């Protein structure tokens, strides 16, 4: 069996009981293997319980290699237009929109156009995109400021101004600070 990406599909098996038991009394080996890289994780146990398997998966797979669906969740987050910036995080970092996996299988107009241009032309358009990245980031900052103002307006309508008592001018603990530093 194989997998198309690193650490996406794992197989697990229990070997044992092993006779005689090891010096520390362990009689079982829990083994996990990644189907893409053939990476093996193994650990011995006295008995294989649900808790032992959960702890093994958590400490030896998830904590080391992450959750297999996380890259897809991050792809979704990074390619969604943020209301506050008016752009995707991917665009602001790399200067161009991402080519999603569906566009590779079913080519979009953008992919077809890029595939038909020669290398020199592609390099030229990519350099133009990179030169415009600062403008895109500046536009996102402006969009973010406008969004903050738009969100603050209704909030500020509901806030009542706080009337300060002018007779209390001393900061909290200022007498202690003066004694300590003087």
N, C-alpha and C. Protein backbone atom coordinates (compact mmCIF):
# COMPACT_ATOMS: atom_id res chain seq x y z
N UNK A 1 0.85 -1.18 0.00
CA UNK A 1 0.00 0.00 0.00
C UNK A 1 0.88 1.23 0.00
N UNK A 2 0.45 2.28 -0.70
CA UNK A 2 1.23 3.52 -0.72
C UNK A 2 0.31 4.70 -0.52
N UNK A 3 0.91 5.86 -0.26
CA UNK A 3 0.16 7.08 0.00
C UNK A 3 0.76 8.18 -0.86
N UNK A 4 -0.04 9.16 -1.32
CA UNK A 4 0.50 10.20 -2.19
C UNK A 4 1.31 11.28 -1.48
N UNK A 5 1.17 11.43 -0.15
CA UNK A 5 1.89 12.46 0.59
C UNK A 5 2.52 11.87 1.84
N UNK A 6 3.52 12.59 2.33
CA UNK A 6 4.19 12.19 3.57
C UNK A 6 3.21 12.19 4.74
N UNK A 7 3.27 11.16 5.55
CA UNK A 7 2.58 11.09 6.83
C UNK A 7 1.07 11.29 6.74
N UNK A 8 0.45 10.93 5.62
CA UNK A 8 -1.00 11.04 5.48
C UNK A 8 -1.67 9.73 5.87
N UNK A 9 -1.10 8.60 5.51
CA UNK A 9 -1.71 7.31 5.82
C UNK A 9 -0.72 6.46 6.63
N UNK A 10 -1.17 5.98 7.77
CA UNK A 10 -0.37 5.16 8.66
C UNK A 10 -1.02 3.80 8.84
N UNK A 11 -0.22 2.78 9.03
CA UNK A 11 -0.71 1.46 9.39
C UNK A 11 -0.20 1.11 10.77
N UNK A 12 -1.03 0.42 11.57
CA UNK A 12 -0.62 0.04 12.92
C UNK A 12 -0.85 -1.44 13.13
N UNK A 13 0.02 -2.05 13.95
CA UNK A 13 -0.13 -3.47 14.26
C UNK A 13 0.49 -3.74 15.62
N UNK A 14 0.01 -4.81 16.25
CA UNK A 14 0.55 -5.24 17.53
C UNK A 14 1.24 -6.57 17.32
N UNK A 15 2.48 -6.66 17.77
CA UNK A 15 3.23 -7.92 17.69
C UNK A 15 3.27 -8.50 19.10
N UNK A 16 2.87 -9.75 19.24
CA UNK A 16 2.93 -10.38 20.55
C UNK A 16 1.74 -11.24 20.83
N UNK A 17 1.70 -11.90 21.94
CA UNK A 17 2.64 -11.80 23.05
C UNK A 17 3.97 -12.48 22.73
N UNK A 18 5.02 -11.85 23.20
CA UNK A 18 6.37 -12.37 22.98
C UNK A 18 6.77 -13.19 24.20
N UNK A 19 7.22 -14.41 23.96
CA UNK A 19 7.67 -15.29 25.05
C UNK A 19 9.14 -15.59 24.86
N UNK A 20 9.94 -15.51 25.81
CA UNK A 20 9.69 -15.01 27.15
C UNK A 20 9.62 -13.49 27.14
N UNK A 21 9.05 -12.91 28.17
CA UNK A 21 8.93 -11.45 28.29
C UNK A 21 10.32 -10.83 28.43
N UNK A 22 10.42 -9.57 28.09
CA UNK A 22 11.70 -8.87 28.21
C UNK A 22 12.05 -8.68 29.68
N UNK A 23 13.23 -8.15 29.96
CA UNK A 23 13.68 -7.99 31.35
C UNK A 23 12.79 -7.02 32.14
N UNK A 24 12.15 -6.09 31.44
CA UNK A 24 11.26 -5.17 32.15
C UNK A 24 9.80 -5.63 32.10
N UNK A 25 9.54 -6.86 31.64
CA UNK A 25 8.20 -7.43 31.66
C UNK A 25 7.34 -7.13 30.45
N UNK A 26 7.90 -6.47 29.45
CA UNK A 26 7.12 -6.13 28.26
C UNK A 26 6.96 -7.35 27.37
N UNK A 27 5.72 -7.55 26.88
CA UNK A 27 5.43 -8.73 26.05
C UNK A 27 4.85 -8.37 24.69
N UNK A 28 4.57 -7.08 24.44
CA UNK A 28 3.95 -6.66 23.19
C UNK A 28 4.75 -5.52 22.55
N UNK A 29 4.72 -5.45 21.22
CA UNK A 29 5.34 -4.34 20.48
C UNK A 29 4.25 -3.71 19.63
N UNK A 30 4.05 -2.41 19.82
CA UNK A 30 3.09 -1.65 19.00
C UNK A 30 3.89 -0.96 17.90
N UNK A 31 3.53 -1.22 16.65
CA UNK A 31 4.29 -0.73 15.50
C UNK A 31 3.36 0.13 14.63
N UNK A 32 3.86 1.29 14.19
CA UNK A 32 3.14 2.14 13.24
C UNK A 32 4.09 2.43 12.08
N UNK A 33 3.57 2.41 10.85
CA UNK A 33 4.40 2.67 9.67
C UNK A 33 3.68 3.65 8.74
N UNK A 34 4.41 4.65 8.26
CA UNK A 34 3.88 5.58 7.27
C UNK A 34 3.97 4.91 5.91
N UNK A 35 2.86 4.87 5.18
CA UNK A 35 2.84 4.14 3.91
C UNK A 35 3.63 4.84 2.81
N UNK A 36 3.85 6.15 2.90
CA UNK A 36 4.59 6.85 1.85
C UNK A 36 6.09 6.70 2.02
N UNK A 37 6.58 7.03 3.22
CA UNK A 37 8.04 7.02 3.45
C UNK A 37 8.55 5.71 4.01
N UNK A 38 7.62 4.86 4.45
CA UNK A 38 7.96 3.60 5.11
C UNK A 38 8.65 3.84 6.46
N UNK A 39 8.41 4.99 7.06
CA UNK A 39 8.96 5.34 8.38
C UNK A 39 8.27 4.49 9.43
N UNK A 40 9.04 3.92 10.35
CA UNK A 40 8.50 3.02 11.37
C UNK A 40 8.67 3.65 12.74
N UNK A 41 7.62 3.58 13.54
CA UNK A 41 7.66 3.93 14.96
C UNK A 41 7.25 2.69 15.72
N UNK A 42 7.98 2.34 16.78
CA UNK A 42 7.66 1.14 17.55
C UNK A 42 7.94 1.39 19.03
N UNK A 43 7.15 0.70 19.88
CA UNK A 43 7.33 0.82 21.32
C UNK A 43 6.84 -0.46 21.98
N UNK A 44 7.51 -0.87 23.05
CA UNK A 44 7.11 -2.10 23.75
C UNK A 44 6.17 -1.77 24.92
N UNK A 45 5.28 -2.74 25.24
CA UNK A 45 4.31 -2.58 26.32
C UNK A 45 4.16 -3.89 27.08
N UNK A 46 3.79 -3.77 28.36
CA UNK A 46 3.44 -4.96 29.14
C UNK A 46 2.11 -5.52 28.66
N UNK A 47 1.15 -4.60 28.42
CA UNK A 47 -0.15 -4.98 27.86
C UNK A 47 -0.61 -3.83 26.98
N UNK A 48 -1.30 -4.15 25.91
CA UNK A 48 -1.76 -3.13 24.97
C UNK A 48 -3.20 -2.77 25.32
N UNK A 49 -3.36 -1.56 25.86
CA UNK A 49 -4.69 -1.07 26.22
C UNK A 49 -5.05 0.11 25.33
N UNK A 50 -6.30 0.54 25.43
CA UNK A 50 -6.75 1.69 24.64
C UNK A 50 -5.91 2.92 24.98
N UNK A 51 -5.68 3.14 26.27
CA UNK A 51 -4.89 4.30 26.70
C UNK A 51 -3.46 4.23 26.16
N UNK A 52 -2.87 3.04 26.16
CA UNK A 52 -1.51 2.87 25.65
C UNK A 52 -1.44 3.22 24.17
N UNK A 53 -2.44 2.78 23.40
CA UNK A 53 -2.46 3.07 21.96
C UNK A 53 -2.65 4.56 21.72
N UNK A 54 -3.59 5.18 22.45
CA UNK A 54 -3.84 6.62 22.29
C UNK A 54 -2.59 7.41 22.64
N UNK A 55 -1.93 7.08 23.74
CA UNK A 55 -0.70 7.78 24.13
C UNK A 55 0.40 7.57 23.09
N UNK A 56 0.51 6.36 22.55
CA UNK A 56 1.51 6.07 21.52
C UNK A 56 1.27 6.92 20.27
N UNK A 57 0.04 6.96 19.81
CA UNK A 57 -0.29 7.75 18.61
C UNK A 57 -0.04 9.23 18.87
N UNK A 58 -0.43 9.70 20.05
CA UNK A 58 -0.25 11.12 20.35
C UNK A 58 1.24 11.50 20.42
N UNK A 59 2.00 10.74 21.21
CA UNK A 59 3.41 11.12 21.42
C UNK A 59 4.32 10.77 20.26
N UNK A 60 4.07 9.67 19.56
CA UNK A 60 4.99 9.24 18.51
C UNK A 60 4.59 9.63 17.10
N UNK A 61 3.34 10.02 16.89
CA UNK A 61 2.91 10.38 15.53
C UNK A 61 2.44 11.83 15.47
N UNK A 62 1.40 12.17 16.25
CA UNK A 62 0.83 13.51 16.15
C UNK A 62 1.83 14.57 16.61
N UNK A 63 2.48 14.37 17.76
CA UNK A 63 3.42 15.38 18.26
C UNK A 63 4.66 15.51 17.36
N UNK A 64 5.03 14.45 16.68
CA UNK A 64 6.21 14.50 15.81
C UNK A 64 5.90 14.98 14.39
N UNK A 65 4.79 14.50 13.83
CA UNK A 65 4.53 14.74 12.41
C UNK A 65 3.30 15.59 12.15
N UNK A 66 2.50 15.89 13.14
CA UNK A 66 1.32 16.70 12.96
C UNK A 66 0.11 15.88 12.55
N UNK A 67 -1.00 16.59 12.43
CA UNK A 67 -2.25 15.95 12.05
C UNK A 67 -2.34 15.96 10.53
N UNK A 68 -2.61 14.81 9.89
CA UNK A 68 -2.60 14.75 8.43
C UNK A 68 -3.52 15.75 7.74
N UNK A 69 -4.67 16.09 8.34
CA UNK A 69 -5.60 17.00 7.67
C UNK A 69 -5.24 18.46 7.88
N UNK A 70 -4.29 18.75 8.78
CA UNK A 70 -3.94 20.13 9.08
C UNK A 70 -3.46 20.90 7.85
N UNK A 71 -2.61 20.35 6.98
CA UNK A 71 -2.19 21.12 5.81
C UNK A 71 -3.36 21.56 4.93
N UNK A 72 -4.39 20.73 4.84
CA UNK A 72 -5.55 21.10 4.03
C UNK A 72 -6.36 22.21 4.70
N UNK A 73 -6.45 22.15 6.03
CA UNK A 73 -7.14 23.21 6.75
C UNK A 73 -6.39 24.53 6.60
N UNK A 74 -5.06 24.47 6.68
CA UNK A 74 -4.25 25.67 6.51
C UNK A 74 -4.36 26.21 5.08
N UNK A 75 -4.42 25.30 4.11
CA UNK A 75 -4.60 25.74 2.72
C UNK A 75 -5.90 26.53 2.59
N UNK A 76 -6.96 26.02 3.19
CA UNK A 76 -8.24 26.73 3.16
C UNK A 76 -8.15 28.10 3.82
N UNK A 77 -7.46 28.17 4.96
CA UNK A 77 -7.33 29.44 5.67
C UNK A 77 -6.50 30.43 4.86
N UNK A 78 -5.39 29.95 4.30
CA UNK A 78 -4.46 30.85 3.60
C UNK A 78 -4.98 31.33 2.25
N UNK A 79 -5.98 30.65 1.71
CA UNK A 79 -6.48 31.03 0.38
C UNK A 79 -7.85 31.69 0.42
N UNK A 80 -8.35 31.99 1.61
CA UNK A 80 -9.63 32.66 1.76
C UNK A 80 -9.40 34.15 1.94
N UNK A 81 -10.17 34.95 1.22
CA UNK A 81 -10.03 36.41 1.32
C UNK A 81 -10.48 36.86 2.70
N UNK A 82 -9.63 37.60 3.38
CA UNK A 82 -9.94 38.15 4.69
C UNK A 82 -10.69 39.47 4.50
N UNK A 83 -11.77 39.63 5.24
CA UNK A 83 -12.57 40.85 5.13
C UNK A 83 -11.75 42.07 5.53
N UNK A 84 -10.95 41.92 6.59
CA UNK A 84 -10.20 43.07 7.10
C UNK A 84 -9.13 43.56 6.14
N UNK A 85 -8.49 42.65 5.38
CA UNK A 85 -7.43 43.06 4.45
C UNK A 85 -7.91 43.15 3.02
N UNK A 86 -8.95 42.44 2.68
CA UNK A 86 -9.42 42.43 1.30
C UNK A 86 -8.54 41.58 0.40
N UNK A 87 -7.74 40.70 0.97
CA UNK A 87 -6.83 39.85 0.20
C UNK A 87 -6.60 38.56 0.98
N UNK A 88 -6.04 37.57 0.29
CA UNK A 88 -5.70 36.32 0.96
C UNK A 88 -4.33 36.44 1.61
N UNK A 89 -4.09 35.74 2.73
CA UNK A 89 -2.75 35.75 3.32
C UNK A 89 -1.68 35.26 2.33
N UNK A 90 -2.02 34.30 1.49
CA UNK A 90 -1.08 33.77 0.50
C UNK A 90 -0.64 34.87 -0.47
N UNK A 91 -1.59 35.67 -0.95
CA UNK A 91 -1.26 36.76 -1.87
C UNK A 91 -0.33 37.77 -1.22
N UNK A 92 -0.57 38.08 0.05
CA UNK A 92 0.26 39.08 0.73
C UNK A 92 1.67 38.58 0.98
N UNK A 93 1.84 37.26 1.10
CA UNK A 93 3.18 36.71 1.33
C UNK A 93 3.93 36.50 0.02
N UNK A 94 3.28 35.88 -0.96
CA UNK A 94 3.97 35.45 -2.18
C UNK A 94 3.74 36.34 -3.40
N UNK A 95 2.81 37.28 -3.31
CA UNK A 95 2.60 38.21 -4.41
C UNK A 95 1.73 37.70 -5.54
N UNK A 96 1.22 36.51 -5.43
CA UNK A 96 0.34 35.94 -6.45
C UNK A 96 -0.64 35.00 -5.77
N UNK A 97 -1.76 34.78 -6.41
CA UNK A 97 -2.73 33.84 -5.84
C UNK A 97 -2.25 32.41 -6.04
N UNK A 98 -2.67 31.55 -5.16
CA UNK A 98 -2.23 30.16 -5.17
C UNK A 98 -2.93 29.38 -6.30
N UNK A 99 -2.25 28.37 -6.78
CA UNK A 99 -2.86 27.42 -7.71
C UNK A 99 -3.35 26.27 -6.85
N UNK A 100 -4.67 26.15 -6.71
CA UNK A 100 -5.22 25.10 -5.86
C UNK A 100 -5.16 23.76 -6.59
N UNK A 101 -5.18 22.66 -5.84
CA UNK A 101 -5.07 21.34 -6.47
C UNK A 101 -6.12 21.08 -7.55
N UNK A 102 -7.32 21.61 -7.39
CA UNK A 102 -8.36 21.40 -8.41
C UNK A 102 -7.97 22.04 -9.74
N UNK A 103 -7.24 23.16 -9.69
CA UNK A 103 -6.81 23.82 -10.93
C UNK A 103 -5.74 23.01 -11.66
N UNK A 104 -5.03 22.17 -10.96
CA UNK A 104 -4.03 21.32 -11.61
C UNK A 104 -4.73 20.22 -12.39
N UNK A 105 -5.77 19.62 -11.79
CA UNK A 105 -6.51 18.54 -12.45
C UNK A 105 -7.40 19.07 -13.57
N UNK A 106 -8.13 20.15 -13.30
CA UNK A 106 -9.02 20.76 -14.28
C UNK A 106 -8.48 22.17 -14.52
N UNK A 107 -7.64 22.35 -15.54
CA UNK A 107 -6.96 23.63 -15.71
C UNK A 107 -7.93 24.81 -15.88
N UNK A 108 -7.67 25.87 -15.12
CA UNK A 108 -8.44 27.10 -15.25
C UNK A 108 -7.81 27.94 -16.36
N UNK A 109 -8.47 29.04 -16.71
CA UNK A 109 -7.96 29.92 -17.76
C UNK A 109 -6.58 30.44 -17.39
N UNK A 110 -6.38 30.78 -16.14
CA UNK A 110 -5.08 31.28 -15.69
C UNK A 110 -3.98 30.25 -15.92
N UNK A 111 -4.25 28.99 -15.63
CA UNK A 111 -3.26 27.92 -15.80
C UNK A 111 -2.97 27.70 -17.29
N UNK A 112 -4.00 27.71 -18.11
CA UNK A 112 -3.82 27.51 -19.55
C UNK A 112 -2.99 28.63 -20.14
N UNK A 113 -3.27 29.87 -19.74
CA UNK A 113 -2.51 31.02 -20.27
C UNK A 113 -1.05 30.92 -19.85
N UNK A 114 -0.79 30.58 -18.57
CA UNK A 114 0.60 30.47 -18.10
C UNK A 114 1.33 29.31 -18.76
N UNK A 115 0.62 28.24 -19.07
CA UNK A 115 1.25 27.08 -19.69
C UNK A 115 1.68 27.35 -21.13
N UNK A 116 1.00 28.28 -21.80
CA UNK A 116 1.29 28.53 -23.20
C UNK A 116 2.34 29.62 -23.44
N UNK A 117 2.77 30.33 -22.39
CA UNK A 117 3.80 31.35 -22.58
C UNK A 117 5.17 30.73 -22.41
N UNK A 118 6.15 31.32 -23.06
CA UNK A 118 7.51 30.78 -22.96
C UNK A 118 8.16 31.20 -21.64
N UNK A 119 9.30 30.63 -21.33
CA UNK A 119 9.94 30.83 -20.03
C UNK A 119 10.33 32.29 -19.79
N UNK A 120 10.85 32.96 -20.80
CA UNK A 120 11.26 34.36 -20.62
C UNK A 120 10.07 35.24 -20.28
N UNK A 121 8.96 35.01 -20.97
CA UNK A 121 7.74 35.78 -20.71
C UNK A 121 7.22 35.50 -19.31
N UNK A 122 7.28 34.21 -18.89
CA UNK A 122 6.80 33.85 -17.57
C UNK A 122 7.64 34.52 -16.49
N UNK A 123 8.96 34.53 -16.66
CA UNK A 123 9.84 35.18 -15.69
C UNK A 123 9.53 36.67 -15.62
N UNK A 124 9.29 37.28 -16.76
CA UNK A 124 8.98 38.71 -16.80
C UNK A 124 7.68 39.01 -16.05
N UNK A 125 6.65 38.22 -16.29
CA UNK A 125 5.38 38.47 -15.59
C UNK A 125 5.51 38.18 -14.09
N UNK A 126 6.31 37.18 -13.73
CA UNK A 126 6.51 36.89 -12.30
C UNK A 126 7.24 38.03 -11.61
N UNK A 127 8.25 38.60 -12.27
CA UNK A 127 8.97 39.75 -11.70
C UNK A 127 8.04 40.95 -11.55
N UNK A 128 7.14 41.13 -12.51
CA UNK A 128 6.15 42.22 -12.41
C UNK A 128 5.24 41.99 -11.21
N UNK A 129 4.81 40.74 -11.01
CA UNK A 129 3.97 40.42 -9.86
C UNK A 129 4.71 40.70 -8.56
N UNK A 130 5.98 40.33 -8.50
CA UNK A 130 6.75 40.55 -7.28
C UNK A 130 7.03 42.03 -7.03
N UNK A 131 7.17 42.81 -8.10
CA UNK A 131 7.38 44.24 -7.91
C UNK A 131 6.12 44.93 -7.40
N UNK A 132 4.96 44.34 -7.67
CA UNK A 132 3.70 44.92 -7.21
C UNK A 132 3.29 44.43 -5.82
N UNK A 133 4.08 43.53 -5.23
CA UNK A 133 3.69 42.97 -3.93
C UNK A 133 3.63 44.03 -2.84
N UNK A 134 4.54 45.01 -2.87
CA UNK A 134 4.51 46.07 -1.86
C UNK A 134 3.24 46.90 -1.98
N UNK A 135 2.80 47.17 -3.22
CA UNK A 135 1.56 47.90 -3.42
C UNK A 135 0.37 47.11 -2.90
N UNK A 136 0.38 45.80 -3.12
CA UNK A 136 -0.71 44.96 -2.64
C UNK A 136 -0.74 44.95 -1.11
N UNK A 137 0.43 44.88 -0.50
CA UNK A 137 0.50 44.89 0.96
C UNK A 137 0.05 46.23 1.52
N UNK A 138 0.45 47.33 0.87
CA UNK A 138 0.03 48.66 1.31
C UNK A 138 -1.49 48.81 1.18
N UNK A 139 -2.04 48.30 0.09
CA UNK A 139 -3.49 48.35 -0.09
C UNK A 139 -4.19 47.53 1.00
N UNK A 140 -3.59 46.41 1.40
CA UNK A 140 -4.17 45.59 2.46
C UNK A 140 -4.12 46.32 3.80
N UNK A 141 -3.04 47.05 4.06
CA UNK A 141 -2.93 47.82 5.29
C UNK A 141 -4.00 48.91 5.32
N UNK A 142 -4.17 49.61 4.20
CA UNK A 142 -5.21 50.65 4.11
C UNK A 142 -6.59 50.04 4.31
N UNK A 143 -6.84 48.91 3.68
CA UNK A 143 -8.11 48.21 3.83
C UNK A 143 -8.33 47.82 5.29
N UNK A 144 -7.26 47.37 5.96
CA UNK A 144 -7.35 46.99 7.37
C UNK A 144 -7.69 48.19 8.26
N UNK A 145 -7.08 49.33 7.97
CA UNK A 145 -7.37 50.53 8.75
C UNK A 145 -8.81 50.98 8.55
N UNK A 146 -9.29 50.94 7.31
CA UNK A 146 -10.68 51.30 7.04
C UNK A 146 -11.63 50.34 7.75
N UNK A 147 -11.28 49.07 7.75
CA UNK A 147 -12.10 48.06 8.42
C UNK A 147 -12.14 48.32 9.93
N UNK A 148 -11.00 48.67 10.52
CA UNK A 148 -10.96 48.97 11.95
C UNK A 148 -11.83 50.18 12.27
N UNK A 149 -11.76 51.21 11.44
CA UNK A 149 -12.59 52.40 11.66
C UNK A 149 -14.07 52.05 11.54
N UNK A 150 -14.39 51.23 10.55
CA UNK A 150 -15.79 50.84 10.34
C UNK A 150 -16.31 50.02 11.53
N UNK A 151 -15.46 49.17 12.11
CA UNK A 151 -15.86 48.37 13.27
C UNK A 151 -15.90 49.21 14.54
N UNK A 152 -15.04 50.22 14.65
CA UNK A 152 -14.98 51.04 15.86
C UNK A 152 -16.15 52.02 15.95
N UNK A 153 -16.67 52.45 14.83
CA UNK A 153 -17.74 53.45 14.81
C UNK A 153 -18.97 53.00 15.63
N UNK A 154 -19.56 51.82 15.37
CA UNK A 154 -20.72 51.43 16.19
C UNK A 154 -20.36 51.17 17.65
N UNK A 155 -19.15 50.69 17.90
CA UNK A 155 -18.72 50.45 19.27
C UNK A 155 -18.62 51.77 20.03
N UNK A 156 -18.01 52.76 19.41
CA UNK A 156 -17.82 54.05 20.07
C UNK A 156 -19.14 54.77 20.32
N UNK A 157 -20.17 54.49 19.55
CA UNK A 157 -21.48 55.10 19.79
C UNK A 157 -22.07 54.62 21.11
N UNK A 158 -21.77 53.38 21.48
CA UNK A 158 -22.34 52.80 22.69
C UNK A 158 -21.53 53.12 23.94
N UNK A 159 -20.28 53.52 23.79
CA UNK A 159 -19.40 53.77 24.94
C UNK A 159 -19.71 55.14 25.51
N UNK A 160 -19.87 55.18 26.83
CA UNK A 160 -20.08 56.45 27.51
C UNK A 160 -18.73 56.99 27.97
N UNK A 161 -18.52 58.28 27.86
CA UNK A 161 -17.23 58.82 28.31
C UNK A 161 -17.08 58.69 29.82
N UNK A 162 -15.88 58.36 30.25
CA UNK A 162 -15.58 58.19 31.66
C UNK A 162 -15.13 59.53 32.24
N UNK A 163 -15.80 59.96 33.30
CA UNK A 163 -15.45 61.23 33.94
C UNK A 163 -14.41 60.93 35.01
N UNK A 164 -13.25 61.53 34.86
CA UNK A 164 -12.15 61.28 35.80
C UNK A 164 -12.22 62.24 36.96
N UNK A 165 -11.86 61.74 38.13
CA UNK A 165 -11.80 62.56 39.33
C UNK A 165 -10.43 63.21 39.38
N UNK A 166 -10.39 64.52 39.28
CA UNK A 166 -9.13 65.26 39.23
C UNK A 166 -8.43 65.30 40.59
N UNK A 167 -9.15 64.99 41.68
CA UNK A 167 -8.52 65.06 42.99
C UNK A 167 -7.56 63.89 43.22
N UNK A 168 -7.73 62.79 42.51
CA UNK A 168 -6.85 61.64 42.66
C UNK A 168 -5.84 61.66 41.53
N UNK A 169 -4.66 62.18 41.79
CA UNK A 169 -3.62 62.31 40.79
C UNK A 169 -2.53 61.26 40.97
N UNK A 170 -2.47 60.65 42.16
CA UNK A 170 -1.37 59.75 42.47
C UNK A 170 -1.59 58.37 41.84
N UNK A 171 -0.55 57.84 41.25
CA UNK A 171 -0.62 56.50 40.69
C UNK A 171 -0.63 55.46 41.79
N UNK A 172 -1.13 54.29 41.46
CA UNK A 172 -1.17 53.19 42.42
C UNK A 172 0.26 52.75 42.71
N UNK A 173 0.57 52.58 43.98
CA UNK A 173 1.87 52.11 44.47
C UNK A 173 3.02 53.08 44.15
N UNK A 174 2.73 54.31 43.81
CA UNK A 174 3.83 55.23 43.50
C UNK A 174 4.67 55.55 44.73
N UNK A 175 4.04 55.55 45.92
CA UNK A 175 4.82 55.82 47.13
C UNK A 175 5.80 54.68 47.41
N UNK A 176 5.41 53.45 47.11
CA UNK A 176 6.30 52.31 47.32
C UNK A 176 7.45 52.35 46.31
N UNK A 177 7.15 52.69 45.09
CA UNK A 177 8.17 52.77 44.05
C UNK A 177 9.18 53.86 44.39
N UNK A 178 8.70 55.00 44.89
CA UNK A 178 9.60 56.09 45.25
C UNK A 178 10.54 55.65 46.39
N UNK A 179 9.97 54.95 47.38
CA UNK A 179 10.80 54.50 48.49
C UNK A 179 11.84 53.50 48.03
N UNK A 180 11.49 52.68 47.10
CA UNK A 180 12.41 51.64 46.65
C UNK A 180 13.54 52.21 45.80
N UNK A 181 13.24 53.13 44.91
CA UNK A 181 14.24 53.65 43.99
C UNK A 181 14.95 54.89 44.47
N UNK A 182 14.46 55.53 45.54
CA UNK A 182 15.09 56.77 45.99
C UNK A 182 16.19 56.52 46.96
